[in-house]
């Protein structure tokens, strides 16, 4: 069945009309590839994964990127660093430095980040030595800043500065300072900003500097009020402490105002309905705006809230 699905997808891609030489892949077909890759990786079927990559990489880069993304997610959330599968996935990601040279820097940095979070700082240092030279960090403020996150995490958690070569370690450490400057420079679009802020803030939380992460996000909520990632990260961090309920409610209100279709609208109304003095007109307007989007028309949580507001009001 697995092989059949793969052949069917390859036939679809190769049959696409594409003057650029890369198959056009619809969203539904991409989803099939993601499921196929995930199933193969979870079952430790690296031969099938390799076959998929070999057959599809030449035709459509998006499949190759998806393979790397799915692999990273599995390494972070499904396996410990002692699992044989984890080690195979690690080997697979390293191979992509060669297969995807145009993404070598980003893939290398993300791999380093995974290794650090898994406590594999020695392996992370080796990846830095072999794949992420200082020259490669320089073209983009994003990578300079990301390099700073990595340098600081290595320095903070492992004290590897004392063990490594002085020049490289000094070079890495300097990016922690560059990172702060680049927070005011990274404006190459929502994608780059979101990518950078997500990893930077989560790194601060990982290092026990939650207050600093929250302060940074509060600051950027004021200076970049249209950046939705800031609100989402704030909610994610604040929800770890029940004493932040009022702050969370306000951030959710701000987010829903900018993005009425956000699932945070449901969480917001659920919390507001627990208050002593419920503002039913506001709650109703939030739910109606949420349900007004086609993707939410049949949302059971939204429908349930409408029924609850009607019965209580």
C-alpha atoms as a PDB file:
ATOM      1  CA  UNK A   1       0.000   0.000   0.000  1.00  0.00           C
ATOM      2  CA  UNK A   2       2.841   2.352   0.914  1.00  0.00           C
ATOM      3  CA  UNK A   3       4.672   1.713  -2.342  1.00  0.00           C
ATOM      4  CA  UNK A   4       1.458   2.063  -4.321  1.00  0.00           C
ATOM      5  CA  UNK A   5       0.685   5.442  -2.790  1.00  0.00           C
ATOM      6  CA  UNK A   6       4.189   6.639  -3.549  1.00  0.00           C
ATOM      7  CA  UNK A   7       4.023   5.507  -7.188  1.00  0.00           C
ATOM      8  CA  UNK A   8       0.642   7.193  -7.584  1.00  0.00           C
ATOM      9  CA  UNK A   9       1.997  10.460  -6.242  1.00  0.00           C
ATOM     10  CA  UNK A  10       5.123  10.302  -8.410  1.00  0.00           C
ATOM     11  CA  UNK A  11       2.925   9.702 -11.458  1.00  0.00           C
ATOM     12  CA  UNK A  12       0.842  12.710 -10.507  1.00  0.00           C
ATOM     13  CA  UNK A  13       3.871  14.962 -10.138  1.00  0.00           C
ATOM     14  CA  UNK A  14       5.597  13.775 -13.296  1.00  0.00           C
ATOM     15  CA  UNK A  15       2.382  14.211 -15.240  1.00  0.00           C
ATOM     16  CA  UNK A  16       2.040  17.844 -14.227  1.00  0.00           C
ATOM     17  CA  UNK A  17       2.291  20.534 -16.856  1.00  0.00           C
ATOM     18  CA  UNK A  18       5.196  22.625 -15.693  1.00  0.00           C
ATOM     19  CA  UNK A  19       7.483  24.649 -17.931  1.00  0.00           C
ATOM     20  CA  UNK A  20       9.967  25.220 -15.120  1.00  0.00           C
ATOM     21  CA  UNK A  21      10.760  21.551 -14.683  1.00  0.00           C
ATOM     22  CA  UNK A  22       9.258  21.256 -11.204  1.00  0.00           C
ATOM     23  CA  UNK A  23       5.994  19.393 -10.739  1.00  0.00           C
ATOM     24  CA  UNK A  24       3.003  21.378  -9.556  1.00  0.00           C
ATOM     25  CA  UNK A  25       1.770  19.893  -6.317  1.00  0.00           C
ATOM     26  CA  UNK A  26      -1.707  20.616  -4.982  1.00  0.00           C
ATOM     27  CA  UNK A  27      -2.278  20.988  -1.237  1.00  0.00           C
ATOM     28  CA  UNK A  28      -4.100  17.661  -0.985  1.00  0.00           C
ATOM     29  CA  UNK A  29      -1.223  15.864  -2.671  1.00  0.00           C
ATOM     30  CA  UNK A  30       1.303  17.552  -0.415  1.00  0.00           C
ATOM     31  CA  UNK A  31      -0.695  16.311   2.572  1.00  0.00           C
ATOM     32  CA  UNK A  32      -0.436  12.770   1.225  1.00  0.00           C
ATOM     33  CA  UNK A  33       3.329  13.078   1.005  1.00  0.00           C
ATOM     34  CA  UNK A  34       3.537  14.404   4.559  1.00  0.00           C
ATOM     35  CA  UNK A  35       1.505  11.460   5.849  1.00  0.00           C
ATOM     36  CA  UNK A  36       3.595   9.040   3.830  1.00  0.00           C
ATOM     37  CA  UNK A  37       6.861  10.486   5.100  1.00  0.00           C
ATOM     38  CA  UNK A  38       5.653  10.590   8.685  1.00  0.00           C
ATOM     39  CA  UNK A  39       4.436   6.988   8.555  1.00  0.00           C
ATOM     40  CA  UNK A  40       7.721   5.807   7.057  1.00  0.00           C
ATOM     41  CA  UNK A  41       9.780   7.714   9.615  1.00  0.00           C
ATOM     42  CA  UNK A  42       7.684   6.539  12.561  1.00  0.00           C
ATOM     43  CA  UNK A  43       8.039   2.936  11.416  1.00  0.00           C
ATOM     44  CA  UNK A  44      11.770   3.346  11.045  1.00  0.00           C
ATOM     45  CA  UNK A  45      11.402   2.615   7.332  1.00  0.00           C
ATOM     46  CA  UNK A  46      14.329   4.720   6.166  1.00  0.00           C
ATOM     47  CA  UNK A  47      14.590   2.836   2.869  1.00  0.00           C
ATOM     48  CA  UNK A  48      11.147   4.081   1.880  1.00  0.00           C
ATOM     49  CA  UNK A  49      12.042   7.593   2.993  1.00  0.00           C
ATOM     50  CA  UNK A  50      15.164   7.489   0.829  1.00  0.00           C
ATOM     51  CA  UNK A  51      13.135   6.209  -2.121  1.00  0.00           C
ATOM     52  CA  UNK A  52      10.646   9.048  -1.738  1.00  0.00           C
ATOM     53  CA  UNK A  53      13.426  11.608  -1.619  1.00  0.00           C
ATOM     54  CA  UNK A  54      15.217  10.151  -4.625  1.00  0.00           C
ATOM     55  CA  UNK A  55      12.066  10.017  -6.736  1.00  0.00           C
ATOM     56  CA  UNK A  56      10.586  13.364  -5.790  1.00  0.00           C
ATOM     57  CA  UNK A  57      13.428  15.749  -4.995  1.00  0.00           C
ATOM     58  CA  UNK A  58      14.319  16.223  -8.641  1.00  0.00           C
ATOM     59  CA  UNK A  59      10.719  17.070  -9.469  1.00  0.00           C
ATOM     60  CA  UNK A  60       9.507  19.310  -6.691  1.00  0.00           C
ATOM     61  CA  UNK A  61      11.513  21.060  -4.007  1.00  0.00           C
ATOM     62  CA  UNK A  62       8.504  21.421  -1.716  1.00  0.00           C
ATOM     63  CA  UNK A  63       8.522  17.674  -1.030  1.00  0.00           C
ATOM     64  CA  UNK A  64      12.162  17.840  -0.052  1.00  0.00           C
ATOM     65  CA  UNK A  65      11.489  20.732   2.296  1.00  0.00           C
ATOM     66  CA  UNK A  66       8.531  18.870   3.792  1.00  0.00           C
ATOM     67  CA  UNK A  67      10.689  15.813   4.399  1.00  0.00           C
ATOM     68  CA  UNK A  68      13.140  17.892   6.387  1.00  0.00           C
ATOM     69  CA  UNK A  69      10.344  19.654   8.288  1.00  0.00           C
ATOM     70  CA  UNK A  70       8.603  16.410   9.230  1.00  0.00           C
ATOM     71  CA  UNK A  71      11.913  14.897  10.306  1.00  0.00           C
ATOM     72  CA  UNK A  72      12.684  17.860  12.571  1.00  0.00           C
ATOM     73  CA  UNK A  73       9.249  17.650  14.195  1.00  0.00           C
ATOM     74  CA  UNK A  74       9.674  13.942  14.898  1.00  0.00           C
ATOM     75  CA  UNK A  75      13.127  14.490  16.387  1.00  0.00           C
ATOM     76  CA  UNK A  76      11.804  17.188  18.696  1.00  0.00           C
ATOM     77  CA  UNK A  77       8.572  15.577  19.834  1.00  0.00           C
ATOM     78  CA  UNK A  78       8.556  11.826  19.201  1.00  0.00           C
ATOM     79  CA  UNK A  79      11.955  10.440  20.133  1.00  0.00           C
ATOM     80  CA  UNK A  80      14.700  10.770  22.715  1.00  0.00           C
ATOM     81  CA  UNK A  81      18.286  11.209  21.583  1.00  0.00           C
ATOM     82  CA  UNK A  82      19.050   7.620  22.656  1.00  0.00           C
ATOM     83  CA  UNK A  83      16.555   6.054  20.253  1.00  0.00           C
ATOM     84  CA  UNK A  84      17.904   4.327  17.172  1.00  0.00           C
ATOM     85  CA  UNK A  85      15.251   6.083  15.098  1.00  0.00           C
ATOM     86  CA  UNK A  86      16.455   9.476  16.339  1.00  0.00           C
ATOM     87  CA  UNK A  87      19.993   8.678  15.227  1.00  0.00           C
ATOM     88  CA  UNK A  88      18.728   7.634  11.792  1.00  0.00           C
ATOM     89  CA  UNK A  89      16.760  10.864  11.495  1.00  0.00           C
ATOM     90  CA  UNK A  90      19.854  12.802  12.525  1.00  0.00           C
ATOM     91  CA  UNK A  91      21.833  11.096   9.779  1.00  0.00           C
ATOM     92  CA  UNK A  92      19.054  11.869   7.302  1.00  0.00           C
ATOM     93  CA  UNK A  93      19.078  15.584   8.159  1.00  0.00           C
ATOM     94  CA  UNK A  94      22.843  15.772   7.799  1.00  0.00           C
ATOM     95  CA  UNK A  95      22.534  14.260   4.327  1.00  0.00           C
ATOM     96  CA  UNK A  96      20.247  17.122   3.340  1.00  0.00           C
ATOM     97  CA  UNK A  97      23.127  19.587   3.655  1.00  0.00           C
ATOM     98  CA  UNK A  98      24.336  18.083   0.382  1.00  0.00           C
ATOM     99  CA  UNK A  99      20.926  17.432  -1.173  1.00  0.00           C
ATOM    100  CA  UNK A 100      19.646  20.946  -0.429  1.00  0.00           C
ATOM    101  CA  UNK A 101      22.664  23.289  -0.670  1.00  0.00           C
ATOM    102  CA  UNK A 102      20.465  26.360  -1.049  1.00  0.00           C
ATOM    103  CA  UNK A 103      19.058  25.695   2.435  1.00  0.00           C
ATOM    104  CA  UNK A 104      22.308  24.530   4.016  1.00  0.00           C
ATOM    105  CA  UNK A 105      22.553  27.399   6.486  1.00  0.00           C
ATOM    106  CA  UNK A 106      18.943  27.265   7.671  1.00  0.00           C
ATOM    107  CA  UNK A 107      18.887  23.472   7.910  1.00  0.00           C
ATOM    108  CA  UNK A 108      22.198  23.472   9.739  1.00  0.00           C
ATOM    109  CA  UNK A 109      21.042  26.034  12.268  1.00  0.00           C
ATOM    110  CA  UNK A 110      17.768  24.235  12.913  1.00  0.00           C
ATOM    111  CA  UNK A 111      19.594  20.942  13.374  1.00  0.00           C
ATOM    112  CA  UNK A 112      21.925  22.598  15.878  1.00  0.00           C
ATOM    113  CA  UNK A 113      18.904  23.948  17.740  1.00  0.00           C
ATOM    114  CA  UNK A 114      17.330  20.475  17.961  1.00  0.00           C
ATOM    115  CA  UNK A 115      20.566  18.969  19.245  1.00  0.00           C
ATOM    116  CA  UNK A 116      20.865  21.639  21.923  1.00  0.00           C
ATOM    117  CA  UNK A 117      17.289  21.102  23.101  1.00  0.00           C
ATOM    118  CA  UNK A 118      18.021  17.382  23.312  1.00  0.00           C
ATOM    119  CA  UNK A 119      21.115  18.050  25.415  1.00  0.00           C
ATOM    120  CA  UNK A 120      23.477  16.930  22.639  1.00  0.00           C
ATOM    121  CA  UNK A 121      25.721  19.989  22.821  1.00  0.00           C
ATOM    122  CA  UNK A 122      28.832  18.101  21.736  1.00  0.00           C
ATOM    123  CA  UNK A 123      27.115  17.005  18.522  1.00  0.00           C
ATOM    124  CA  UNK A 124      25.780  20.535  18.028  1.00  0.00           C
ATOM    125  CA  UNK A 125      29.302  21.910  18.303  1.00  0.00           C
ATOM    126  CA  UNK A 126      30.493  19.386  15.690  1.00  0.00           C
ATOM    127  CA  UNK A 127      27.768  20.502  13.285  1.00  0.00           C
ATOM    128  CA  UNK A 128      28.826  24.113  13.785  1.00  0.00           C
ATOM    129  CA  UNK A 129      32.436  23.197  13.028  1.00  0.00           C
ATOM    130  CA  UNK A 130      31.601  21.263   9.874  1.00  0.00           C
ATOM    131  CA  UNK A 131      28.572  23.026   8.403  1.00  0.00           C
ATOM    132  CA  UNK A 132      28.041  26.518   9.797  1.00  0.00           C
ATOM    133  CA  UNK A 133      31.184  28.591   9.419  1.00  0.00           C
ATOM    134  CA  UNK A 134      31.108  32.215  10.465  1.00  0.00           C
ATOM    135  CA  UNK A 135      31.169  33.416   6.863  1.00  0.00           C
ATOM    136  CA  UNK A 136      27.902  31.642   6.188  1.00  0.00           C
ATOM    137  CA  UNK A 137      26.088  33.528   8.914  1.00  0.00           C
ATOM    138  CA  UNK A 138      26.843  36.941   7.453  1.00  0.00           C
ATOM    139  CA  UNK A 139      24.467  37.316   4.464  1.00  0.00           C
ATOM    140  CA  UNK A 140      21.265  37.626   6.469  1.00  0.00           C
ATOM    141  CA  UNK A 141      20.323  39.379   9.713  1.00  0.00           C
ATOM    142  CA  UNK A 142      18.075  36.393  10.358  1.00  0.00           C
ATOM    143  CA  UNK A 143      20.971  33.962  10.410  1.00  0.00           C
ATOM    144  CA  UNK A 144      23.200  36.341  12.354  1.00  0.00           C
ATOM    145  CA  UNK A 145      20.536  36.585  15.014  1.00  0.00           C
ATOM    146  CA  UNK A 146      19.805  32.870  14.972  1.00  0.00           C
ATOM    147  CA  UNK A 147      23.520  32.248  15.305  1.00  0.00           C
ATOM    148  CA  UNK A 148      23.415  34.380  18.419  1.00  0.00           C
ATOM    149  CA  UNK A 149      20.659  32.264  19.925  1.00  0.00           C
ATOM    150  CA  UNK A 150      22.675  29.116  19.309  1.00  0.00           C
ATOM    151  CA  UNK A 151      25.898  30.622  20.613  1.00  0.00           C
ATOM    152  CA  UNK A 152      24.237  31.809  23.787  1.00  0.00           C
ATOM    153  CA  UNK A 153      22.464  28.521  24.451  1.00  0.00           C
ATOM    154  CA  UNK A 154      25.679  26.581  24.026  1.00  0.00           C
ATOM    155  CA  UNK A 155      27.543  28.993  26.254  1.00  0.00           C
ATOM    156  CA  UNK A 156      24.817  29.089  28.918  1.00  0.00           C
ATOM    157  CA  UNK A 157      23.989  25.383  29.127  1.00  0.00           C
ATOM    158  CA  UNK A 158      27.322  23.737  28.559  1.00  0.00           C
ATOM    159  CA  UNK A 159      30.062  26.298  29.112  1.00  0.00           C
ATOM    160  CA  UNK A 160      31.679  24.955  25.956  1.00  0.00           C
ATOM    161  CA  UNK A 161      33.519  28.235  25.395  1.00  0.00           C
ATOM    162  CA  UNK A 162      36.269  26.948  27.675  1.00  0.00           C
ATOM    163  CA  UNK A 163      36.625  23.715  25.719  1.00  0.00           C
ATOM    164  CA  UNK A 164      36.446  24.824  22.103  1.00  0.00           C
ATOM    165  CA  UNK A 165      38.847  26.638  19.842  1.00  0.00           C
ATOM    166  CA  UNK A 166      39.112  30.252  20.940  1.00  0.00           C
ATOM    167  CA  UNK A 167      38.557  31.870  17.544  1.00  0.00           C
ATOM    168  CA  UNK A 168      35.396  29.956  16.710  1.00  0.00           C
ATOM    169  CA  UNK A 169      33.944  30.339  20.187  1.00  0.00           C
ATOM    170  CA  UNK A 170      34.655  34.063  20.250  1.00  0.00           C
ATOM    171  CA  UNK A 171      33.025  34.353  16.844  1.00  0.00           C
ATOM    172  CA  UNK A 172      29.928  32.489  17.970  1.00  0.00           C
ATOM    173  CA  UNK A 173      29.604  34.452  21.183  1.00  0.00           C
ATOM    174  CA  UNK A 174      29.674  37.780  19.380  1.00  0.00           C
ATOM    175  CA  UNK A 175      26.444  36.841  17.610  1.00  0.00           C
ATOM    176  CA  UNK A 176      24.567  37.032  20.892  1.00  0.00           C
ATOM    177  CA  UNK A 177      25.165  40.789  20.830  1.00  0.00           C
ATOM    178  CA  UNK A 178      24.487  40.995  17.106  1.00  0.00           C
ATOM    179  CA  UNK A 179      21.208  39.226  17.723  1.00  0.00           C
ATOM    180  CA  UNK A 180      19.873  42.057  19.864  1.00  0.00           C
ATOM    181  CA  UNK A 181      20.629  44.581  17.163  1.00  0.00           C
ATOM    182  CA  UNK A 182      19.084  42.414  14.495  1.00  0.00           C
ATOM    183  CA  UNK A 183      15.789  42.241  16.333  1.00  0.00           C
ATOM    184  CA  UNK A 184      15.366  45.791  15.051  1.00  0.00           C
ATOM    185  CA  UNK A 185      16.633  44.929  11.571  1.00  0.00           C
ATOM    186  CA  UNK A 186      14.764  41.780  10.609  1.00  0.00           C
ATOM    187  CA  UNK A 187      11.992  43.195   8.460  1.00  0.00           C
ATOM    188  CA  UNK A 188      12.205  40.974   5.398  1.00  0.00           C
ATOM    189  CA  UNK A 189       8.604  39.898   5.727  1.00  0.00           C
ATOM    190  CA  UNK A 190       6.399  38.127   8.256  1.00  0.00           C
ATOM    191  CA  UNK A 191       7.972  34.756   7.507  1.00  0.00           C
ATOM    192  CA  UNK A 192      11.501  35.759   8.489  1.00  0.00           C
ATOM    193  CA  UNK A 193      10.370  37.714  11.519  1.00  0.00           C
ATOM    194  CA  UNK A 194       8.114  34.902  12.731  1.00  0.00           C
ATOM    195  CA  UNK A 195      10.849  32.338  12.231  1.00  0.00           C
ATOM    196  CA  UNK A 196      13.392  34.388  14.163  1.00  0.00           C
ATOM    197  CA  UNK A 197      11.151  35.504  17.022  1.00  0.00           C
ATOM    198  CA  UNK A 198       9.744  32.041  17.610  1.00  0.00           C
ATOM    199  CA  UNK A 199      13.150  30.472  18.132  1.00  0.00           C
ATOM    200  CA  UNK A 200      14.581  33.419  20.039  1.00  0.00           C
ATOM    201  CA  UNK A 201      11.707  33.642  22.522  1.00  0.00           C
ATOM    202  CA  UNK A 202      11.501  29.882  23.026  1.00  0.00           C
ATOM    203  CA  UNK A 203      15.243  29.846  23.640  1.00  0.00           C
ATOM    204  CA  UNK A 204      14.846  32.433  26.396  1.00  0.00           C
ATOM    205  CA  UNK A 205      12.060  30.394  27.992  1.00  0.00           C
ATOM    206  CA  UNK A 206      14.179  27.248  27.733  1.00  0.00           C
ATOM    207  CA  UNK A 207      16.951  29.054  29.620  1.00  0.00           C
ATOM    208  CA  UNK A 208      14.595  30.124  32.400  1.00  0.00           C
ATOM    209  CA  UNK A 209      14.378  33.730  31.244  1.00  0.00           C
ATOM    210  CA  UNK A 210      10.601  33.824  30.806  1.00  0.00           C
ATOM    211  CA  UNK A 211      10.248  37.381  32.143  1.00  0.00           C
ATOM    212  CA  UNK A 212      12.700  38.625  29.532  1.00  0.00           C
ATOM    213  CA  UNK A 213      10.847  36.749  26.792  1.00  0.00           C
ATOM    214  CA  UNK A 214       7.517  38.271  27.866  1.00  0.00           C
ATOM    215  CA  UNK A 215       9.001  41.780  28.100  1.00  0.00           C
ATOM    216  CA  UNK A 216      10.479  41.432  24.629  1.00  0.00           C
ATOM    217  CA  UNK A 217       7.145  40.319  23.182  1.00  0.00           C
ATOM    218  CA  UNK A 218       5.246  43.093  24.972  1.00  0.00           C
ATOM    219  CA  UNK A 219       7.671  45.597  23.482  1.00  0.00           C
ATOM    220  CA  UNK A 220       7.247  44.216  19.987  1.00  0.00           C
ATOM    221  CA  UNK A 221       3.480  44.115  20.386  1.00  0.00           C
ATOM    222  CA  UNK A 222       3.672  47.899  20.635  1.00  0.00           C
ATOM    223  CA  UNK A 223       6.236  48.501  17.891  1.00  0.00           C
ATOM    224  CA  UNK A 224       4.868  45.879  15.462  1.00  0.00           C
ATOM    225  CA  UNK A 225       1.153  45.679  16.337  1.00  0.00           C
ATOM    226  CA  UNK A 226       0.242  43.850  13.111  1.00  0.00           C
ATOM    227  CA  UNK A 227       2.674  40.958  13.719  1.00  0.00           C
ATOM    228  CA  UNK A 228       0.394  38.088  14.771  1.00  0.00           C
ATOM    229  CA  UNK A 229       3.254  35.822  15.839  1.00  0.00           C
ATOM    230  CA  UNK A 230       3.970  38.140  18.768  1.00  0.00           C
ATOM    231  CA  UNK A 231       0.478  37.664  20.201  1.00  0.00           C
ATOM    232  CA  UNK A 232       0.508  33.900  19.728  1.00  0.00           C
ATOM    233  CA  UNK A 233       3.872  33.527  21.445  1.00  0.00           C
ATOM    234  CA  UNK A 234       2.746  35.725  24.335  1.00  0.00           C
ATOM    235  CA  UNK A 235      -0.352  33.604  24.886  1.00  0.00           C
ATOM    236  CA  UNK A 236       1.681  30.399  24.715  1.00  0.00           C
ATOM    237  CA  UNK A 237       4.138  31.621  27.353  1.00  0.00           C
ATOM    238  CA  UNK A 238       1.618  33.278  29.676  1.00  0.00           C
ATOM    239  CA  UNK A 239      -0.675  30.243  29.831  1.00  0.00           C
ATOM    240  CA  UNK A 240       1.965  28.373  31.837  1.00  0.00           C
ATOM    241  CA  UNK A 241       1.034  30.480  34.885  1.00  0.00           C
ATOM    242  CA  UNK A 242      -2.580  30.788  36.073  1.00  0.00           C
ATOM    243  CA  UNK A 243      -1.819  34.165  37.654  1.00  0.00           C
ATOM    244  CA  UNK A 244      -1.573  35.609  34.147  1.00  0.00           C
ATOM    245  CA  UNK A 245      -5.244  35.084  33.284  1.00  0.00           C
ATOM    246  CA  UNK A 246      -6.071  38.786  32.975  1.00  0.00           C
ATOM    247  CA  UNK A 247      -3.046  39.443  30.767  1.00  0.00           C
ATOM    248  CA  UNK A 248      -3.877  36.435  28.597  1.00  0.00           C
ATOM    249  CA  UNK A 249      -7.438  37.691  28.140  1.00  0.00           C
ATOM    250  CA  UNK A 250      -6.215  41.090  26.980  1.00  0.00           C
ATOM    251  CA  UNK A 251      -3.699  39.601  24.546  1.00  0.00           C
ATOM    252  CA  UNK A 252      -6.421  37.340  23.145  1.00  0.00           C
ATOM    253  CA  UNK A 253      -8.697  40.340  22.680  1.00  0.00           C
ATOM    254  CA  UNK A 254      -5.933  42.142  20.807  1.00  0.00           C
ATOM    255  CA  UNK A 255      -5.271  39.099  18.612  1.00  0.00           C
ATOM    256  CA  UNK A 256      -8.936  38.464  17.830  1.00  0.00           C
ATOM    257  CA  UNK A 257      -9.316  42.094  16.802  1.00  0.00           C
ATOM    258  CA  UNK A 258      -6.572  41.569  14.205  1.00  0.00           C
ATOM    259  CA  UNK A 259      -7.472  37.988  13.301  1.00  0.00           C
ATOM    260  CA  UNK A 260     -11.169  37.252  13.982  1.00  0.00           C
ATOM    261  CA  UNK A 261     -10.828  33.729  12.569  1.00  0.00           C
ATOM    262  CA  UNK A 262      -8.185  32.740  15.129  1.00  0.00           C
ATOM    263  CA  UNK A 263      -8.951  29.713  17.312  1.00  0.00           C
ATOM    264  CA  UNK A 264      -8.010  31.938  20.236  1.00  0.00           C
ATOM    265  CA  UNK A 265     -11.465  33.495  19.811  1.00  0.00           C
ATOM    266  CA  UNK A 266     -12.987  30.318  21.229  1.00  0.00           C
ATOM    267  CA  UNK A 267     -10.588  30.289  24.176  1.00  0.00           C
ATOM    268  CA  UNK A 268     -11.280  33.970  24.795  1.00  0.00           C
ATOM    269  CA  UNK A 269     -15.060  33.580  24.952  1.00  0.00           C
ATOM    270  CA  UNK A 270     -14.799  30.460  27.100  1.00  0.00           C
ATOM    271  CA  UNK A 271     -12.801  32.419  29.671  1.00  0.00           C
ATOM    272  CA  UNK A 272     -15.080  35.475  29.508  1.00  0.00           C
ATOM    273  CA  UNK A 273     -18.192  33.362  30.136  1.00  0.00           C
ATOM    274  CA  UNK A 274     -16.687  32.320  33.480  1.00  0.00           C
ATOM    275  CA  UNK A 275     -16.553  35.904  34.750  1.00  0.00           C
ATOM    276  CA  UNK A 276     -19.093  37.250  37.237  1.00  0.00           C
ATOM    277  CA  UNK A 277     -20.224  40.098  35.010  1.00  0.00           C
ATOM    278  CA  UNK A 278     -20.318  38.616  31.513  1.00  0.00           C
ATOM    279  CA  UNK A 279     -20.316  40.984  28.551  1.00  0.00           C
ATOM    280  CA  UNK A 280     -22.655  38.882  26.404  1.00  0.00           C
ATOM    281  CA  UNK A 281     -22.871  41.312  23.450  1.00  0.00           C
ATOM    282  CA  UNK A 282     -19.082  41.286  23.134  1.00  0.00           C
ATOM    283  CA  UNK A 283     -18.887  37.494  23.482  1.00  0.00           C
ATOM    284  CA  UNK A 284     -21.560  37.055  20.830  1.00  0.00           C
ATOM    285  CA  UNK A 285     -19.806  39.405  18.414  1.00  0.00           C
ATOM    286  CA  UNK A 286     -16.506  37.532  18.841  1.00  0.00           C
ATOM    287  CA  UNK A 287     -18.133  34.160  18.157  1.00  0.00           C
ATOM    288  CA  UNK A 288     -20.122  35.452  15.172  1.00  0.00           C
ATOM    289  CA  UNK A 289     -17.016  37.009  13.643  1.00  0.00           C
ATOM    290  CA  UNK A 290     -15.164  33.733  14.212  1.00  0.00           C
ATOM    291  CA  UNK A 291     -17.950  31.696  12.606  1.00  0.00           C
ATOM    292  CA  UNK A 292     -18.153  34.104   9.680  1.00  0.00           C
ATOM    293  CA  UNK A 293     -15.072  32.496   8.107  1.00  0.00           C
ATOM    294  CA  UNK A 294     -15.779  29.484   5.840  1.00  0.00           C
ATOM    295  CA  UNK A 295     -13.168  27.369   7.601  1.00  0.00           C
ATOM    296  CA  UNK A 296     -15.067  27.842  10.875  1.00  0.00           C
ATOM    297  CA  UNK A 297     -18.656  27.409   9.672  1.00  0.00           C
ATOM    298  CA  UNK A 298     -18.954  23.924  11.124  1.00  0.00           C
ATOM    299  CA  UNK A 299     -16.645  24.442  14.086  1.00  0.00           C
ATOM    300  CA  UNK A 300     -18.258  22.540  16.964  1.00  0.00           C
ATOM    301  CA  UNK A 301     -16.694  24.734  19.646  1.00  0.00           C
ATOM    302  CA  UNK A 302     -18.080  27.853  18.000  1.00  0.00           C
ATOM    303  CA  UNK A 303     -21.541  26.328  17.623  1.00  0.00           C
ATOM    304  CA  UNK A 304     -21.461  25.216  21.247  1.00  0.00           C
ATOM    305  CA  UNK A 305     -20.580  28.730  22.395  1.00  0.00           C
ATOM    306  CA  UNK A 306     -23.442  30.217  20.397  1.00  0.00           C
ATOM    307  CA  UNK A 307     -25.831  27.813  22.100  1.00  0.00           C
ATOM    308  CA  UNK A 308     -24.382  28.569  25.527  1.00  0.00           C
ATOM    309  CA  UNK A 309     -24.607  32.344  25.076  1.00  0.00           C
ATOM    310  CA  UNK A 310     -28.196  32.018  23.907  1.00  0.00           C
ATOM    311  CA  UNK A 311     -29.181  29.927  26.934  1.00  0.00           C
ATOM    312  CA  UNK A 312     -27.443  32.164  29.498  1.00  0.00           C
ATOM    313  CA  UNK A 313     -28.173  35.618  28.128  1.00  0.00           C
END
